[in-house]
Amino acid sequence: MVSCSPPDDPIKCSSKNSNCTITNSYGEFPDRTVCKASNVFYPTTEEELISVVAMASMNKTKVKVATRYSHSIPKLVCPDGQDGLLISTLYLNRTLKIDAPTMTMTVESGAMLRDVIEQAAKAGLALPAGPYWWGLTIGGLISTGAHGSSLWGNGSSVHDYVERLRIVTPAGPKEGYAKVWTLDNDHPHINAAKVSLGVLGVISQVTLRLEPMFKRSITYTTKNDSDLVVQAGSFGKEHEFADITWYPSQRKVVYRVDDRVPSNVSGNGLNNFVGFRSTLSLILAAIRSSEDNQESSSNANGKCRNAKLTTSTLWNTGFGYTNDGIAFTGYPIVGYQNRLQASGSCLDSPHDAQITACPWDHRVKSQFFHQTTISIGLSNVKNFIEDVQKLRDLEPKAFCGLELYNGILMRYVKASNAYLGKQQDAVDFDITYYRSKNSETPRLFEDVFEEVEQLALFKYGGIPHWGKNRNVAFIGAIKKYVNADEFLKVKKMYDPFGIFSSEWTDQVLGLKDGVTIVKEGCALEGLCICSEDVHCAPKKGYFCRPGRVYKDARVCTHLSNKLDSREVM
């Protein structure tokens, strides 16, 4: 593990800032389309941002906002057609003000989470909540509802610590074709603007409510998963920053016992999570080649062996935490909030990506995966886990594939006032698993992961993380938000001509059909739920069948003989 090349700019142009394409940091959107734009603008001040929005508004040109690393998996950054514009917040990244007496901090929307954490710490302050990966911008993570893990206080969603937003929206000629709104927590539109998916306009500034710097104590404990159904509902209420990592095939659970401690408790721990460190590109290529070979040869045993090796390495090294910034010597890990809450050291140091890279850097042969991330209300978590355990008992080896990506991460998320925020206290299930470079290639145990996805979404009414997931996660999702109509009213007021809308955002907001794409092989990539065999890969032995535990599910199942393949659902 050595220093790393920062990820590439997701925007590429054939000439200076024109004839552009944009992707995400993984190099592919769920439907593998290429998103184009006629021009990209890199404003450096709010005045320049206003000018760009005014130009687009006057010309009725479609606009989307791009961030430094573009970590959202769905196509939130894609303007409609190749004549649209991109506004990058790359240079809108300054810390504008830290007010220690009121414990607030104002930053531009392109400021990265890492910078917010570091600058706040210099003033003796801390952001209590945040995602574990610090390579996100404040504007981007707020707009997609990104979060950490906590049911305490205001919870784990960063947008619930927002005191004020400034947002630039289209306007009429009397207002110069652009308007700046200042929304504080008393403004009736703030709950629409906090999780906006980028469809209201461009967030220019964010003011966050902070707390005095504090220390945490972290201990990971490993147990059998036999009582997970009981523990999952209560564990998050017992510890402020609790989370759970579940390894179903190994029948193990790692509980993160994580609480505040007095500042005089000794310790200077540091979070340098192994999965977010720079890695030799040759090692990344070898790991990917191994998984490709296991997939093509249906080598479940090989995946299970590698999964056990991966997880045991993580356990034995404290998941990358160190007690003093250098070495892991045992639990508890005690340290200040700014050193423990997030990590992402693979963003540092401008070295050649062909030598080292973040593990998912698409410029080299590296990880390539799907992510299914769904929040299920606390009242339904027990039954969901029981169903997944039933599925595991029928096919134990199926879950080894996701354990190669450190299992199922379960984070606690509190209900939010944001219209498109969490609707109730919930557990967020974050599942990462293999994706083929060939969209027509089924995965090993394709049906199991599809059934888990459909269990969470449809049987237990889970809501998707807006910045992750495959297309099927957004089927009917907007109907699960009780204030969706209020959000759409604000959207119409702020952007009456739909300049910041796109075909994709209209689809996920229920304004247009088409969130699923029905075609040959569509279920393999989560573009549809299969209803016919052709939606799977019948020539490769994968046919559309009911789920094994959730009979209403429709999944792509591998059948071993021709007689089976002629069965009717």
Protein backbone atom coordinates (compact mmCIF):
# COMPACT_ATOMS: atom_id res chain seq x y z
CA MET A 1 0.00 0.00 0.00
CA VAL A 2 1.56 3.26 -1.18
CA SER A 3 0.53 6.76 -2.21
CA CYS A 4 -2.07 7.04 -4.91
CA SER A 5 -3.11 8.90 -8.02
CA PRO A 6 -6.27 10.92 -7.33
CA PRO A 7 -9.24 9.78 -9.41
CA ASP A 8 -9.62 11.35 -12.82
CA ASP A 9 -11.91 14.29 -13.60
CA PRO A 10 -15.21 12.64 -14.63
CA ILE A 11 -15.68 15.24 -17.41
CA LYS A 12 -13.79 14.82 -20.68
CA CYS A 13 -13.97 17.28 -23.58
CA SER A 14 -12.67 16.91 -27.13
CA SER A 15 -11.88 20.63 -27.27
CA LYS A 16 -11.50 23.20 -24.52
CA ASN A 17 -14.58 22.83 -22.32
CA SER A 18 -16.80 21.79 -25.23
CA ASN A 19 -18.02 18.55 -26.86
CA CYS A 20 -17.92 16.81 -23.50
CA THR A 21 -18.84 13.52 -21.89
CA ILE A 22 -19.36 12.77 -18.22
CA THR A 23 -19.31 9.52 -16.29
CA ASN A 24 -19.11 8.57 -12.63
CA SER A 25 -16.01 7.52 -10.72
CA TYR A 26 -16.70 3.88 -11.61
CA GLY A 27 -16.66 4.56 -15.34
CA GLU A 28 -20.18 3.28 -16.08
CA PHE A 29 -23.75 4.25 -15.32
CA PRO A 30 -26.24 1.42 -14.62
CA ASP A 31 -27.49 1.37 -18.22
CA ARG A 32 -23.94 1.83 -19.63
CA THR A 33 -24.96 4.83 -21.71
CA VAL A 34 -22.58 7.69 -22.49
CA CYS A 35 -23.75 11.06 -21.20
CA LYS A 36 -22.87 14.03 -23.41
CA ALA A 37 -22.91 17.81 -23.03
CA SER A 38 -22.07 20.63 -25.39
CA ASN A 39 -20.09 22.62 -22.82
CA VAL A 40 -18.83 22.54 -19.26
CA PHE A 41 -18.38 25.60 -17.04
CA TYR A 42 -16.12 25.81 -14.00
CA PRO A 43 -17.29 28.85 -12.01
CA THR A 44 -14.93 30.09 -9.32
CA THR A 45 -17.34 32.45 -7.55
CA GLU A 46 -21.06 32.65 -6.87
CA GLU A 47 -21.23 35.59 -9.31
CA GLU A 48 -19.84 33.43 -12.10
CA LEU A 49 -22.27 30.66 -11.15
CA ILE A 50 -25.19 33.07 -11.37
CA SER A 51 -24.02 34.16 -14.81
CA VAL A 52 -23.95 30.57 -16.11
CA VAL A 53 -27.40 29.76 -14.71
CA ALA A 54 -28.78 32.98 -16.21
CA MET A 55 -27.39 32.08 -19.63
CA ALA A 56 -28.94 28.61 -19.48
CA SER A 57 -32.22 30.02 -18.23
CA MET A 58 -32.39 32.63 -20.98
CA ASN A 59 -31.70 30.00 -23.65
CA LYS A 60 -33.84 27.27 -22.01
CA THR A 61 -30.79 24.98 -22.07
CA LYS A 62 -30.69 21.83 -19.95
CA VAL A 63 -28.12 21.90 -17.12
CA LYS A 64 -26.68 19.38 -14.68
CA VAL A 65 -24.26 19.89 -11.81
CA ALA A 66 -21.08 17.81 -11.64
CA THR A 67 -18.86 17.28 -8.59
CA ARG A 68 -15.13 16.69 -8.21
CA TYR A 69 -15.21 12.89 -8.29
CA SER A 70 -18.79 12.12 -9.38
CA HIS A 71 -19.49 9.27 -6.96
CA SER A 72 -23.23 8.88 -7.60
CA ILE A 73 -23.98 5.65 -9.44
CA PRO A 74 -27.30 6.63 -11.15
CA LYS A 75 -27.40 9.22 -13.93
CA LEU A 76 -28.07 12.29 -11.79
CA VAL A 77 -25.36 14.26 -13.64
CA CYS A 78 -26.62 13.60 -17.17
CA PRO A 79 -28.25 16.51 -19.04
CA ASP A 80 -30.73 15.52 -21.73
CA GLY A 81 -29.16 15.29 -25.14
CA GLN A 82 -25.74 16.41 -26.27
CA ASP A 83 -26.72 20.11 -26.28
CA GLY A 84 -27.00 20.34 -22.49
CA LEU A 85 -24.54 22.09 -20.19
CA LEU A 86 -22.53 20.93 -17.20
CA ILE A 87 -21.65 23.12 -14.26
CA SER A 88 -18.76 21.71 -12.25
CA THR A 89 -18.30 22.78 -8.62
CA LEU A 90 -14.62 21.81 -8.80
CA TYR A 91 -13.44 25.36 -7.98
CA LEU A 92 -16.33 26.31 -5.71
CA ASN A 93 -14.50 24.60 -2.86
CA ARG A 94 -13.65 27.25 -0.29
CA THR A 95 -14.36 27.50 3.40
CA LEU A 96 -16.04 30.91 3.70
CA LYS A 97 -16.55 31.30 7.42
CA ILE A 98 -16.21 29.43 10.71
CA ASP A 99 -18.09 31.04 13.56
CA ALA A 100 -16.83 29.42 16.76
CA PRO A 101 -19.29 31.15 19.15
CA THR A 102 -22.34 29.95 17.18
CA MET A 103 -20.59 26.70 16.15
CA THR A 104 -21.46 27.11 12.46
CA MET A 105 -19.39 26.76 9.34
CA THR A 106 -20.14 28.06 5.84
CA VAL A 107 -18.55 26.43 2.81
CA GLU A 108 -19.05 26.47 -0.93
CA SER A 109 -20.89 23.46 -2.27
CA GLY A 110 -17.83 21.95 -3.95
CA ALA A 111 -15.91 21.67 -0.67
CA MET A 112 -15.01 18.07 0.03
CA LEU A 113 -16.09 16.37 3.24
CA ARG A 114 -12.43 15.88 4.14
CA ASP A 115 -11.82 19.63 3.95
CA VAL A 116 -14.89 20.40 6.06
CA ILE A 117 -13.72 17.96 8.74
CA GLU A 118 -10.17 19.33 8.76
CA GLN A 119 -11.11 23.01 8.77
CA ALA A 120 -13.69 22.52 11.51
CA ALA A 121 -11.12 20.69 13.64
CA LYS A 122 -8.71 23.63 13.43
CA ALA A 123 -11.41 25.71 15.13
CA GLY A 124 -11.99 23.04 17.79
CA LEU A 125 -15.27 21.94 16.19
CA ALA A 126 -16.62 18.73 14.71
CA LEU A 127 -19.32 17.61 12.29
CA PRO A 128 -21.17 14.90 14.24
CA ALA A 129 -22.42 12.95 11.21
CA GLY A 130 -21.09 11.99 7.81
CA PRO A 131 -20.45 9.19 5.33
CA TYR A 132 -17.39 7.02 5.94
CA TRP A 133 -15.78 8.05 2.61
CA TRP A 134 -14.52 11.63 2.62
CA GLY A 135 -14.14 12.09 -1.14
CA LEU A 136 -17.64 13.58 -1.50
CA THR A 137 -18.57 17.23 -1.89
CA ILE A 138 -20.93 18.86 0.56
CA GLY A 139 -23.36 19.84 -2.19
CA GLY A 140 -23.34 16.35 -3.66
CA LEU A 141 -23.74 14.42 -0.44
CA ILE A 142 -26.53 16.69 0.80
CA SER A 143 -28.40 16.44 -2.50
CA THR A 144 -28.37 12.63 -2.41
CA GLY A 145 -29.04 12.20 1.32
CA ALA A 146 -25.66 10.66 2.18
CA HIS A 147 -25.21 9.61 5.80
CA GLY A 148 -23.20 7.80 8.41
CA SER A 149 -24.68 5.69 11.21
CA SER A 150 -26.56 7.03 14.25
CA LEU A 151 -30.05 7.26 15.70
CA TRP A 152 -28.95 9.74 18.36
CA GLY A 153 -29.39 13.50 18.32
CA ASN A 154 -30.14 14.74 14.81
CA GLY A 155 -29.12 11.37 13.40
CA SER A 156 -26.53 10.42 10.80
CA SER A 157 -27.64 12.34 7.67
CA VAL A 158 -25.50 15.40 6.93
CA HIS A 159 -28.45 17.35 5.54
CA ASP A 160 -30.01 17.30 8.99
CA TYR A 161 -27.10 19.45 10.23
CA VAL A 162 -27.69 22.13 7.59
CA GLU A 163 -28.56 25.54 9.05
CA ARG A 164 -28.73 27.48 5.80
CA LEU A 165 -28.44 27.00 2.04
CA ARG A 166 -27.87 29.39 -0.82
CA ILE A 167 -29.16 28.02 -4.10
CA VAL A 168 -29.09 29.56 -7.57
CA THR A 169 -32.15 28.85 -9.69
CA PRO A 170 -33.51 29.93 -13.08
CA ALA A 171 -35.70 33.04 -13.17
CA GLY A 172 -37.47 35.37 -15.56
CA PRO A 173 -36.07 38.40 -17.40
CA LYS A 174 -37.12 40.84 -14.62
CA GLU A 175 -34.73 39.01 -12.25
CA GLY A 176 -31.91 38.71 -14.76
CA TYR A 177 -32.79 35.07 -15.58
CA ALA A 178 -31.27 33.79 -12.32
CA LYS A 179 -32.23 34.08 -8.68
CA VAL A 180 -30.33 33.38 -5.46
CA TRP A 181 -32.43 31.94 -2.66
CA THR A 182 -31.21 31.99 0.94
CA LEU A 183 -33.00 29.26 2.85
CA ASP A 184 -32.63 28.79 6.58
CA ASN A 185 -34.45 26.30 8.79
CA ASP A 186 -37.41 28.63 9.14
CA HIS A 187 -37.95 28.85 5.40
CA PRO A 188 -40.83 26.73 4.06
CA HIS A 189 -38.71 25.37 1.18
CA ILE A 190 -35.69 24.20 3.16
CA ASN A 191 -36.98 20.63 3.42
CA ALA A 192 -37.17 20.40 -0.35
CA ALA A 193 -33.72 21.89 -0.89
CA LYS A 194 -31.87 19.66 1.58
CA VAL A 195 -32.24 16.48 -0.51
CA SER A 196 -32.96 17.86 -3.96
CA LEU A 197 -31.26 15.46 -6.42
CA GLY A 198 -29.98 18.59 -8.13
CA VAL A 199 -33.33 19.38 -9.76
CA LEU A 200 -34.01 22.74 -8.07
CA GLY A 201 -30.87 24.56 -9.14
CA VAL A 202 -27.23 24.80 -8.03
CA ILE A 203 -26.38 24.92 -4.34
CA SER A 204 -23.70 27.58 -3.97
CA GLN A 205 -23.16 27.70 -0.20
CA VAL A 206 -23.98 25.54 2.79
CA THR A 207 -23.92 26.50 6.46
CA LEU A 208 -23.52 23.54 8.82
CA ARG A 209 -24.25 23.25 12.53
CA LEU A 210 -21.21 21.84 14.32
CA GLU A 211 -20.38 20.72 17.86
CA PRO A 212 -17.35 21.14 20.10
CA MET A 213 -14.64 18.64 19.22
CA PHE A 214 -15.09 15.34 21.04
CA LYS A 215 -13.49 11.92 21.35
CA ARG A 216 -14.86 8.50 20.49
CA SER A 217 -14.02 4.99 21.58
CA ILE A 218 -14.44 2.20 19.01
CA THR A 219 -14.39 -1.55 19.62
CA TYR A 220 -15.29 -4.18 17.04
CA THR A 221 -16.70 -7.42 18.44
CA THR A 222 -17.37 -10.54 16.35
CA LYS A 223 -20.30 -12.84 17.17
CA ASN A 224 -22.45 -15.51 15.61
CA ASP A 225 -25.39 -14.18 13.58
CA SER A 226 -27.96 -16.37 15.35
CA ASP A 227 -29.37 -13.43 17.35
CA LEU A 228 -28.83 -10.73 14.72
CA VAL A 229 -32.61 -10.42 14.26
CA VAL A 230 -32.85 -9.27 17.88
CA GLN A 231 -29.66 -7.21 18.06
CA ALA A 232 -30.29 -5.26 14.85
CA GLY A 233 -33.34 -3.53 16.27
CA SER A 234 -31.74 -2.43 19.54
CA PHE A 235 -28.00 -2.04 18.93
CA GLY A 236 -28.28 1.38 17.32
CA LYS A 237 -30.16 2.71 20.35
CA GLU A 238 -27.44 1.50 22.71
CA HIS A 239 -24.39 3.13 21.07
CA GLU A 240 -24.26 6.55 19.42
CA PHE A 241 -22.27 5.61 16.31
CA ALA A 242 -23.11 1.91 16.16
CA ASP A 243 -23.06 -0.06 12.94
CA ILE A 244 -23.09 -3.75 12.03
CA THR A 245 -21.25 -5.68 9.35
CA TRP A 246 -22.83 -9.01 8.48
CA TYR A 247 -21.11 -11.94 6.77
CA PRO A 248 -24.05 -14.29 6.03
CA SER A 249 -22.13 -17.23 4.54
CA GLN A 250 -19.76 -17.28 7.52
CA ARG A 251 -22.69 -16.77 9.93
CA LYS A 252 -20.75 -13.98 11.60
CA VAL A 253 -21.54 -10.43 12.59
CA VAL A 254 -19.14 -7.65 13.56
CA TYR A 255 -20.68 -5.12 15.93
CA ARG A 256 -19.15 -1.67 16.12
CA VAL A 257 -19.42 -0.46 19.71
CA ASP A 258 -18.79 3.23 19.19
CA ASP A 259 -19.51 5.99 21.70
CA ARG A 260 -18.27 9.37 22.90
CA VAL A 261 -15.80 9.41 25.75
CA PRO A 262 -14.38 12.27 27.86
CA SER A 263 -11.61 14.25 26.19
CA ASN A 264 -9.14 13.25 28.90
CA VAL A 265 -9.31 9.58 27.90
CA SER A 266 -5.94 8.85 26.31
CA GLY A 267 -5.68 7.92 22.65
CA ASN A 268 -4.99 9.45 19.26
CA GLY A 269 -6.58 6.86 17.01
CA LEU A 270 -6.84 7.22 13.25
CA ASN A 271 -9.23 5.77 10.67
CA ASN A 272 -7.41 4.64 7.53
CA PHE A 273 -9.87 2.03 6.29
CA VAL A 274 -8.15 -0.63 4.19
CA GLY A 275 -10.77 -0.47 1.42
CA PHE A 276 -10.14 3.25 0.88
CA ARG A 277 -6.36 3.07 0.68
CA SER A 278 -4.29 3.29 -2.46
CA THR A 279 -3.33 -0.10 -3.84
CA LEU A 280 -0.75 -1.27 -6.32
CA SER A 281 -2.44 -1.50 -9.71
CA LEU A 282 -0.85 -4.91 -10.32
CA ILE A 283 -2.53 -6.20 -7.17
CA LEU A 284 -5.88 -4.73 -8.20
CA ALA A 285 -5.58 -6.43 -11.59
CA ALA A 286 -4.71 -9.77 -9.99
CA ILE A 287 -7.67 -9.58 -7.61
CA ARG A 288 -10.05 -8.70 -10.44
CA SER A 289 -8.69 -11.46 -12.68
CA SER A 290 -9.18 -13.97 -9.88
CA GLU A 291 -12.81 -12.97 -9.43
CA ASP A 292 -13.42 -12.96 -13.19
CA ASN A 293 -12.07 -16.52 -13.37
CA GLN A 294 -14.17 -17.66 -10.43
CA GLU A 295 -17.28 -16.19 -12.04
CA SER A 296 -16.64 -17.73 -15.45
CA SER A 297 -15.91 -21.17 -13.96
CA SER A 298 -18.70 -20.98 -11.33
CA ASN A 299 -16.07 -21.51 -8.66
CA ALA A 300 -18.08 -20.75 -5.53
CA ASN A 301 -15.58 -22.55 -3.31
CA GLY A 302 -12.82 -20.27 -4.54
CA LYS A 303 -14.89 -17.21 -3.74
CA CYS A 304 -15.60 -18.52 -0.26
CA ARG A 305 -11.93 -19.18 0.42
CA ASN A 306 -10.99 -15.69 -0.75
CA ALA A 307 -13.82 -14.15 1.26
CA LYS A 308 -12.59 -15.77 4.48
CA LEU A 309 -9.06 -14.57 3.75
CA THR A 310 -10.31 -11.03 3.06
CA THR A 311 -12.46 -10.78 6.16
CA SER A 312 -9.88 -12.36 8.49
CA THR A 313 -7.29 -9.87 7.22
CA LEU A 314 -9.64 -6.99 7.96
CA TRP A 315 -10.42 -8.30 11.44
CA ASN A 316 -6.77 -8.91 12.30
CA THR A 317 -5.71 -5.43 11.17
CA GLY A 318 -8.51 -3.56 12.92
CA PHE A 319 -10.11 -2.66 9.58
CA GLY A 320 -7.36 -0.10 9.05
CA TYR A 321 -7.77 1.75 12.35
CA THR A 322 -4.63 2.50 14.30
CA ASN A 323 -4.29 3.42 17.95
CA ASP A 324 -1.73 6.15 17.36
CA GLY A 325 -1.81 6.85 13.63
CA ILE A 326 0.86 4.22 13.00
CA ALA A 327 -0.05 0.79 14.37
CA PHE A 328 -3.08 -1.19 15.45
CA THR A 329 -2.39 -2.66 18.88
CA GLY A 330 -5.89 -3.60 19.98
CA TYR A 331 -9.26 -2.27 21.07
CA PRO A 332 -10.56 0.17 22.02
CA ILE A 333 -9.50 2.70 19.42
CA VAL A 334 -9.79 6.11 21.11
CA GLY A 335 -9.37 9.33 19.19
CA TYR A 336 -10.84 12.64 18.13
CA GLN A 337 -13.90 12.79 15.88
CA ASN A 338 -12.03 14.36 12.96
CA ARG A 339 -9.55 11.45 12.90
CA LEU A 340 -12.11 8.65 13.21
CA GLN A 341 -15.29 9.58 11.36
CA ALA A 342 -14.17 9.14 7.74
CA SER A 343 -11.22 8.20 5.55
CA GLY A 344 -10.03 8.05 1.96
CA SER A 345 -6.24 8.18 1.80
CA CYS A 346 -6.26 6.90 -1.79
CA LEU A 347 -7.17 10.45 -2.85
CA ASP A 348 -3.76 11.71 -1.76
CA SER A 349 -0.52 12.21 -3.69
CA PRO A 350 -0.31 12.75 -7.46
CA HIS A 351 1.31 9.50 -8.55
CA ASP A 352 0.75 7.54 -11.76
CA ALA A 353 -2.52 5.58 -11.69
CA GLN A 354 -0.78 2.77 -13.56
CA ILE A 355 1.29 2.24 -10.41
CA THR A 356 -1.25 2.84 -7.63
CA ALA A 357 -4.94 3.70 -7.57
CA CYS A 358 -8.11 3.73 -5.53
CA PRO A 359 -9.49 0.16 -5.63
CA TRP A 360 -12.34 1.15 -8.01
CA ASP A 361 -10.37 3.47 -10.33
CA HIS A 362 -11.65 2.64 -13.83
CA ARG A 363 -8.44 3.81 -15.51
CA VAL A 364 -6.85 0.50 -14.48
CA LYS A 365 -8.11 -3.06 -14.13
CA SER A 366 -9.81 -2.79 -10.76
CA GLN A 367 -13.01 -3.41 -8.84
CA PHE A 368 -16.21 -3.14 -10.86
CA PHE A 369 -19.40 -3.70 -8.94
CA HIS A 370 -23.09 -3.16 -8.37
CA GLN A 371 -24.30 -1.53 -5.17
CA THR A 372 -27.70 -2.21 -3.68
CA THR A 373 -28.30 0.22 -0.80
CA ILE A 374 -31.77 0.23 0.73
CA SER A 375 -33.15 1.56 4.02
CA ILE A 376 -35.72 -0.60 5.80
CA GLY A 377 -37.79 0.73 8.70
CA LEU A 378 -36.78 -0.60 12.12
CA SER A 379 -40.13 -2.36 12.50
CA ASN A 380 -39.41 -4.51 9.41
CA VAL A 381 -35.71 -5.19 9.93
CA LYS A 382 -36.19 -8.38 11.95
CA ASN A 383 -38.35 -10.06 9.30
CA PHE A 384 -36.10 -8.95 6.46
CA ILE A 385 -33.03 -10.44 8.15
CA GLU A 386 -34.92 -13.68 8.81
CA ASP A 387 -35.81 -13.96 5.11
CA VAL A 388 -32.21 -13.34 4.06
CA GLN A 389 -31.09 -16.01 6.53
CA LYS A 390 -33.61 -18.46 5.02
CA LEU A 391 -32.21 -17.69 1.59
CA ARG A 392 -28.67 -18.12 2.94
CA ASP A 393 -29.57 -21.51 4.41
CA LEU A 394 -30.79 -22.65 0.99
CA GLU A 395 -27.64 -21.40 -0.80
CA PRO A 396 -24.88 -20.69 1.77
CA LYS A 397 -22.08 -20.13 -0.74
CA ALA A 398 -24.02 -17.47 -2.64
CA PHE A 399 -23.11 -14.77 -0.12
CA CYS A 400 -19.36 -15.34 -0.32
CA GLY A 401 -19.30 -13.00 -3.32
CA LEU A 402 -20.46 -10.00 -1.34
CA GLU A 403 -18.15 -10.91 1.55
CA LEU A 404 -15.27 -10.24 -0.84
CA TYR A 405 -16.50 -6.64 -0.56
CA ASN A 406 -16.72 -6.79 3.26
CA GLY A 407 -20.22 -8.17 3.61
CA ILE A 408 -23.45 -6.31 4.29
CA LEU A 409 -22.89 -2.97 6.03
CA MET A 410 -25.85 -2.04 8.25
CA ARG A 411 -25.99 1.62 9.25
CA TYR A 412 -28.60 3.35 11.38
CA VAL A 413 -30.41 6.34 9.91
CA LYS A 414 -32.88 8.58 11.68
CA ALA A 415 -36.12 9.88 10.20
CA SER A 416 -35.68 13.28 8.56
CA ASN A 417 -37.84 16.33 7.89
CA ALA A 418 -36.37 16.55 4.39
CA TYR A 419 -39.10 15.71 1.89
CA LEU A 420 -36.88 13.15 0.12
CA GLY A 421 -35.02 12.10 3.27
CA LYS A 422 -35.57 8.97 5.36
CA GLN A 423 -39.24 8.55 6.21
CA GLN A 424 -38.71 6.68 9.47
CA ASP A 425 -35.92 5.42 11.70
CA ALA A 426 -34.30 2.71 9.65
CA VAL A 427 -31.40 0.39 9.02
CA ASP A 428 -29.59 1.04 5.76
CA PHE A 429 -28.38 -2.21 4.15
CA ASP A 430 -25.39 -1.55 1.89
CA ILE A 431 -24.50 -4.50 -0.35
CA THR A 432 -21.65 -4.45 -2.89
CA TYR A 433 -21.10 -7.31 -5.34
CA TYR A 434 -19.44 -8.29 -8.60
CA ARG A 435 -20.42 -6.71 -11.91
CA SER A 436 -19.22 -8.07 -15.22
CA LYS A 437 -17.61 -5.82 -17.80
CA ASN A 438 -19.91 -7.58 -20.29
CA SER A 439 -23.53 -6.56 -19.74
CA GLU A 440 -24.76 -9.86 -21.22
CA THR A 441 -22.86 -12.03 -18.73
CA PRO A 442 -24.87 -13.33 -15.76
CA ARG A 443 -23.30 -13.39 -12.30
CA LEU A 444 -22.75 -16.46 -10.22
CA PHE A 445 -25.85 -16.76 -7.98
CA GLU A 446 -27.55 -14.02 -9.97
CA ASP A 447 -30.93 -15.05 -8.57
CA VAL A 448 -29.92 -14.73 -4.92
CA PHE A 449 -28.85 -11.11 -5.12
CA GLU A 450 -31.91 -10.20 -7.18
CA GLU A 451 -34.17 -11.84 -4.59
CA VAL A 452 -32.50 -9.97 -1.71
CA GLU A 453 -32.95 -6.72 -3.65
CA GLN A 454 -36.64 -7.38 -4.31
CA LEU A 455 -37.25 -8.55 -0.73
CA ALA A 456 -35.91 -5.26 0.58
CA LEU A 457 -37.70 -3.05 -1.93
CA PHE A 458 -41.10 -4.63 -2.35
CA LYS A 459 -41.88 -7.04 0.47
CA TYR A 460 -40.49 -4.72 3.16
CA GLY A 461 -41.03 -1.34 1.49
CA GLY A 462 -37.41 -0.22 1.61
CA ILE A 463 -36.39 3.10 0.08
CA PRO A 464 -33.28 3.43 -2.10
CA HIS A 465 -30.23 5.55 -1.48
CA TRP A 466 -30.57 8.25 -4.16
CA GLY A 467 -26.88 8.18 -5.03
CA LYS A 468 -26.52 4.41 -5.37
CA ASN A 469 -28.50 1.43 -6.72
CA ARG A 470 -29.55 -0.09 -10.01
CA ASN A 471 -32.62 1.07 -11.91
CA VAL A 472 -35.01 -1.45 -10.35
CA ALA A 473 -34.52 0.12 -6.91
CA PHE A 474 -36.34 3.24 -8.11
CA ILE A 475 -39.50 1.46 -9.31
CA GLY A 476 -42.33 3.25 -7.52
CA ALA A 477 -39.86 4.68 -5.00
CA ILE A 478 -41.24 8.21 -5.04
CA LYS A 479 -44.62 6.92 -3.79
CA LYS A 480 -42.94 5.92 -0.53
CA TYR A 481 -42.31 9.59 0.37
CA VAL A 482 -45.30 11.18 2.07
CA ASN A 483 -44.22 14.71 1.07
CA ALA A 484 -43.30 13.92 -2.53
CA ASP A 485 -46.06 16.22 -3.82
CA GLU A 486 -44.73 19.09 -1.69
CA PHE A 487 -41.26 18.51 -3.14
CA LEU A 488 -42.63 18.62 -6.69
CA LYS A 489 -44.46 21.90 -5.94
CA VAL A 490 -41.19 23.51 -4.86
CA LYS A 491 -39.44 22.03 -7.88
CA LYS A 492 -42.01 23.62 -10.20
CA MET A 493 -41.59 26.97 -8.44
CA TYR A 494 -37.79 26.99 -8.54
CA ASP A 495 -37.33 25.60 -12.03
CA PRO A 496 -40.61 26.06 -13.93
CA PHE A 497 -39.13 25.18 -17.31
CA GLY A 498 -37.33 22.03 -16.10
CA ILE A 499 -33.87 23.30 -16.97
CA PHE A 500 -32.32 21.26 -14.15
CA SER A 501 -34.49 18.21 -14.85
CA SER A 502 -33.52 15.31 -17.07
CA GLU A 503 -35.21 12.23 -18.40
CA TRP A 504 -33.69 10.22 -15.53
CA THR A 505 -34.76 12.57 -12.72
CA ASP A 506 -38.24 12.84 -14.22
CA GLN A 507 -38.43 9.05 -14.20
CA VAL A 508 -37.33 8.59 -10.58
CA LEU A 509 -39.64 11.41 -9.46
CA GLY A 510 -42.59 9.70 -11.13
CA LEU A 511 -43.10 12.43 -13.74
CA LYS A 512 -42.29 10.13 -16.63
CA ASP A 513 -42.27 6.39 -17.29
CA GLY A 514 -39.10 4.55 -18.13
CA VAL A 515 -37.15 3.96 -14.93
CA THR A 516 -36.95 0.35 -16.12
CA ILE A 517 -35.55 -0.54 -19.52
CA VAL A 518 -37.12 -3.70 -20.91
CA LYS A 519 -34.95 -5.47 -23.44
CA GLU A 520 -33.04 -8.70 -23.91
CA GLY A 521 -30.88 -9.39 -20.85
CA CYS A 522 -32.20 -6.34 -18.95
CA ALA A 523 -32.56 -8.13 -15.61
CA LEU A 524 -28.86 -9.03 -15.49
CA GLU A 525 -27.95 -5.39 -14.92
CA GLY A 526 -30.96 -4.46 -12.83
CA LEU A 527 -32.52 -2.45 -15.65
CA CYS A 528 -35.73 -4.45 -15.25
CA ILE A 529 -37.31 -7.22 -13.22
CA CYS A 530 -37.60 -10.22 -15.49
CA SER A 531 -41.03 -11.32 -16.69
CA GLU A 532 -39.78 -13.41 -19.62
CA ASP A 533 -36.81 -15.72 -20.01
CA VAL A 534 -35.31 -13.42 -22.62
CA HIS A 535 -34.83 -10.78 -19.92
CA CYS A 536 -32.24 -13.11 -18.39
CA ALA A 537 -29.77 -15.19 -20.41
CA PRO A 538 -31.54 -18.37 -21.59
CA LYS A 539 -28.71 -19.27 -23.97
CA LYS A 540 -26.41 -19.38 -20.96
CA GLY A 541 -28.85 -21.34 -18.81
CA TYR A 542 -30.46 -18.44 -16.89
CA PHE A 543 -34.26 -18.30 -16.91
CA CYS A 544 -36.86 -16.09 -15.26
CA ARG A 545 -38.32 -17.88 -12.22
CA PRO A 546 -40.01 -17.03 -8.89
CA GLY A 547 -37.88 -16.42 -5.84
CA ARG A 548 -37.21 -19.22 -3.42
CA VAL A 549 -38.18 -17.42 -0.21
CA TYR A 550 -40.08 -14.45 -1.63
CA LYS A 551 -42.36 -16.11 -4.18
CA ASP A 552 -43.48 -12.79 -5.66
CA ALA A 553 -39.92 -12.06 -6.73
CA ARG A 554 -38.91 -12.73 -10.31
CA VAL A 555 -35.25 -13.58 -10.68
CA CYS A 556 -32.78 -14.97 -13.20
CA THR A 557 -32.11 -18.53 -12.06
CA HIS A 558 -29.52 -20.90 -13.49
CA LEU A 559 -31.15 -24.19 -14.46
CA SER A 560 -28.93 -27.18 -15.03
CA ASN A 561 -30.85 -29.22 -17.61
CA LYS A 562 -33.13 -28.75 -20.57
CA LEU A 563 -36.15 -30.24 -18.81
CA ASP A 564 -35.92 -27.57 -16.12
CA SER A 565 -35.52 -24.85 -18.71
CA ARG A 566 -38.96 -25.64 -20.15
CA GLU A 567 -40.74 -25.26 -16.81
CA VAL A 568 -43.44 -22.61 -16.69
CA MET A 569 -43.52 -20.05 -13.86
